[in-house]
């Protein structure tokens, strides 16, 4: 497989990384980058919270850094029995969906 980087900035970055000795070849750098992307993708799938509301889902560390201050600044309220019952129902529904065959 041949891969061509059309962006001069990316070309420069790869060349600098290789010439600095951080990677033996451009191919090695790209293989490592793709592996990391695969690991990140797999980790997201494993650690995804399917019950989180859309506006609270973080797709990246940058998203998380944005969402944490928003959450801390939001008004707090005491959890009620109804809140816990709703959480339990949601959990039971998600469990049933994940084990439906």
Foldseek 3Di string as FASTA:
>chain_A
DDDDDPDVVVVVVLVVCCVVPVAVHSVRVVVVVVVVVVVLVVVCVVPPDPPDPPQQGDPDPVSVVVNVVVVVPDDDDDDDPVNVVVVVVVVVVVVCVVPPD
